[in-house]
N, C-alpha and C. Protein backbone atom coordinates (compact mmCIF):
# COMPACT_ATOMS: atom_id res chain seq x y z
N UNK A 1 -7.65 7.44 17.72
CA UNK A 1 -7.69 7.34 16.26
C UNK A 1 -6.31 6.97 15.75
N UNK A 2 -6.26 6.08 14.78
CA UNK A 2 -5.01 5.62 14.19
C UNK A 2 -4.60 6.57 13.05
N UNK A 3 -3.36 7.05 13.07
CA UNK A 3 -2.85 7.89 12.00
C UNK A 3 -2.35 7.01 10.87
N UNK A 4 -2.81 7.31 9.66
CA UNK A 4 -2.38 6.53 8.49
C UNK A 4 -1.12 7.17 7.94
N UNK A 5 -0.07 6.36 7.83
CA UNK A 5 1.22 6.82 7.28
C UNK A 5 1.48 6.07 5.98
N UNK A 6 1.39 6.79 4.88
CA UNK A 6 1.61 6.21 3.56
C UNK A 6 3.09 6.15 3.25
N UNK A 7 3.49 5.11 2.52
CA UNK A 7 4.89 5.00 2.11
C UNK A 7 4.99 4.35 0.73
N UNK A 8 6.04 4.73 0.02
CA UNK A 8 6.34 4.16 -1.30
C UNK A 8 7.49 3.19 -1.17
N UNK A 9 7.60 2.35 -2.16
CA UNK A 9 8.74 1.45 -2.23
C UNK A 9 10.02 2.25 -2.41
N UNK A 10 11.09 1.79 -1.80
CA UNK A 10 12.38 2.44 -2.01
C UNK A 10 12.86 2.26 -3.44
N UNK A 11 12.27 1.34 -4.18
CA UNK A 11 12.64 1.10 -5.58
C UNK A 11 12.00 2.12 -6.52
N UNK A 12 11.08 2.95 -6.03
CA UNK A 12 10.41 3.91 -6.90
C UNK A 12 11.25 5.15 -7.17
N UNK A 13 12.30 5.37 -6.39
CA UNK A 13 13.17 6.53 -6.61
C UNK A 13 12.40 7.82 -6.47
N UNK A 14 12.62 8.76 -7.39
CA UNK A 14 11.92 10.05 -7.34
C UNK A 14 10.63 10.04 -8.13
N UNK A 15 10.28 8.92 -8.72
CA UNK A 15 9.09 8.84 -9.55
C UNK A 15 7.82 8.97 -8.71
N UNK A 16 6.88 9.70 -9.23
CA UNK A 16 5.58 9.80 -8.54
C UNK A 16 4.61 8.77 -9.10
N UNK A 17 5.03 7.98 -10.08
CA UNK A 17 4.19 6.95 -10.68
C UNK A 17 4.37 5.64 -9.92
N UNK A 18 3.73 5.56 -8.80
CA UNK A 18 3.97 4.44 -7.92
C UNK A 18 2.71 4.18 -7.10
N UNK A 19 2.62 3.02 -6.54
CA UNK A 19 1.58 2.78 -5.54
C UNK A 19 2.18 3.02 -4.17
N UNK A 20 1.33 3.39 -3.25
CA UNK A 20 1.74 3.59 -1.87
C UNK A 20 0.92 2.65 -1.00
N UNK A 21 1.49 2.25 0.12
CA UNK A 21 0.76 1.42 1.06
C UNK A 21 0.79 2.06 2.45
N UNK A 22 -0.20 1.71 3.21
CA UNK A 22 -0.27 2.11 4.62
C UNK A 22 -0.85 0.92 5.38
N UNK A 23 -0.35 0.71 6.57
CA UNK A 23 -0.86 -0.41 7.36
C UNK A 23 -1.59 0.14 8.59
N UNK A 24 -2.67 -0.52 8.92
CA UNK A 24 -3.42 -0.27 10.14
C UNK A 24 -3.56 -1.61 10.83
N UNK A 25 -4.03 -1.63 12.04
CA UNK A 25 -4.20 -2.93 12.71
C UNK A 25 -5.15 -3.88 11.96
N UNK A 26 -6.11 -3.33 11.23
CA UNK A 26 -7.12 -4.16 10.58
C UNK A 26 -6.93 -4.34 9.07
N UNK A 27 -6.07 -3.53 8.44
CA UNK A 27 -6.00 -3.59 6.98
C UNK A 27 -4.67 -3.05 6.46
N UNK A 28 -4.36 -3.47 5.24
CA UNK A 28 -3.27 -2.88 4.46
C UNK A 28 -3.96 -2.10 3.35
N UNK A 29 -3.71 -0.80 3.29
CA UNK A 29 -4.34 0.07 2.31
C UNK A 29 -3.37 0.35 1.17
N UNK A 30 -3.91 0.43 -0.04
CA UNK A 30 -3.11 0.64 -1.24
C UNK A 30 -3.76 1.77 -2.03
N UNK A 31 -2.94 2.71 -2.53
CA UNK A 31 -3.47 3.80 -3.35
C UNK A 31 -2.47 4.18 -4.43
N UNK A 32 -2.94 4.91 -5.42
CA UNK A 32 -2.11 5.43 -6.51
C UNK A 32 -1.46 6.72 -6.03
N UNK A 33 -0.15 6.82 -6.14
CA UNK A 33 0.54 8.02 -5.65
C UNK A 33 0.22 9.26 -6.47
N UNK A 34 -0.30 9.10 -7.69
CA UNK A 34 -0.67 10.24 -8.52
C UNK A 34 -2.02 10.81 -8.13
N UNK A 35 -2.84 10.01 -7.44
CA UNK A 35 -4.20 10.40 -7.07
C UNK A 35 -4.42 10.08 -5.60
N UNK A 36 -3.69 10.76 -4.73
CA UNK A 36 -3.73 10.41 -3.31
C UNK A 36 -5.11 10.55 -2.66
N UNK A 37 -5.96 11.51 -3.07
CA UNK A 37 -7.28 11.55 -2.44
C UNK A 37 -8.26 10.56 -3.08
N UNK A 38 -7.82 9.88 -4.13
CA UNK A 38 -8.69 8.97 -4.86
C UNK A 38 -8.99 7.69 -4.12
N UNK A 39 -9.48 6.69 -4.83
CA UNK A 39 -9.88 5.44 -4.20
C UNK A 39 -8.70 4.68 -3.59
N UNK A 40 -9.04 3.87 -2.61
CA UNK A 40 -8.05 3.01 -1.94
C UNK A 40 -8.54 1.58 -1.99
N UNK A 41 -7.60 0.69 -2.08
CA UNK A 41 -7.90 -0.73 -2.00
C UNK A 41 -7.49 -1.18 -0.61
N UNK A 42 -8.35 -1.90 0.07
CA UNK A 42 -8.04 -2.39 1.41
C UNK A 42 -8.01 -3.90 1.44
N UNK A 43 -6.95 -4.46 1.98
CA UNK A 43 -6.80 -5.91 2.13
C UNK A 43 -6.61 -6.25 3.59
N UNK A 44 -7.08 -7.41 3.97
CA UNK A 44 -6.79 -7.87 5.33
C UNK A 44 -5.30 -8.19 5.41
N UNK A 45 -4.72 -8.16 6.58
CA UNK A 45 -3.30 -8.54 6.70
C UNK A 45 -3.03 -9.95 6.16
N UNK A 46 -3.96 -10.87 6.33
CA UNK A 46 -3.77 -12.23 5.81
C UNK A 46 -3.76 -12.24 4.28
N UNK A 47 -4.67 -11.49 3.66
CA UNK A 47 -4.71 -11.41 2.20
C UNK A 47 -3.45 -10.74 1.66
N UNK A 48 -2.95 -9.74 2.35
CA UNK A 48 -1.71 -9.07 1.95
C UNK A 48 -0.54 -10.05 1.99
N UNK A 49 -0.48 -10.87 3.03
CA UNK A 49 0.60 -11.85 3.15
C UNK A 49 0.56 -12.86 2.00
N UNK A 50 -0.64 -13.28 1.62
CA UNK A 50 -0.77 -14.20 0.48
C UNK A 50 -0.32 -13.52 -0.80
N UNK A 51 -0.73 -12.26 -1.00
CA UNK A 51 -0.31 -11.49 -2.17
C UNK A 51 1.22 -11.39 -2.26
N UNK A 52 1.85 -11.03 -1.16
CA UNK A 52 3.32 -10.91 -1.14
C UNK A 52 4.00 -12.24 -1.41
N UNK A 53 3.43 -13.32 -0.90
CA UNK A 53 4.01 -14.65 -1.14
C UNK A 53 4.00 -14.97 -2.63
N UNK A 54 2.96 -14.54 -3.34
CA UNK A 54 2.90 -14.80 -4.79
C UNK A 54 3.90 -13.95 -5.57
N UNK A 55 4.25 -12.80 -5.05
CA UNK A 55 5.23 -11.94 -5.72
C UNK A 55 6.63 -12.51 -5.69
N UNK A 56 6.92 -13.28 -4.69
CA UNK A 56 8.29 -13.81 -4.54
C UNK A 56 8.49 -15.15 -5.23
N UNK A 57 7.47 -15.64 -5.89
CA UNK A 57 7.60 -16.94 -6.60
C UNK A 57 8.26 -16.77 -7.93
């Protein structure tokens, strides 16, 4: 079984108002740090790469 390790951006500082991500071999998971047991968004690694490419434009 793969252990999911959530992490926040280093830019979030001490704020709990942030999104967190976790990577698995099959997906990049995204959740709200204020509602950790709540819903998660899952993207394929390819979709995540496209998303990140748009952020740097």
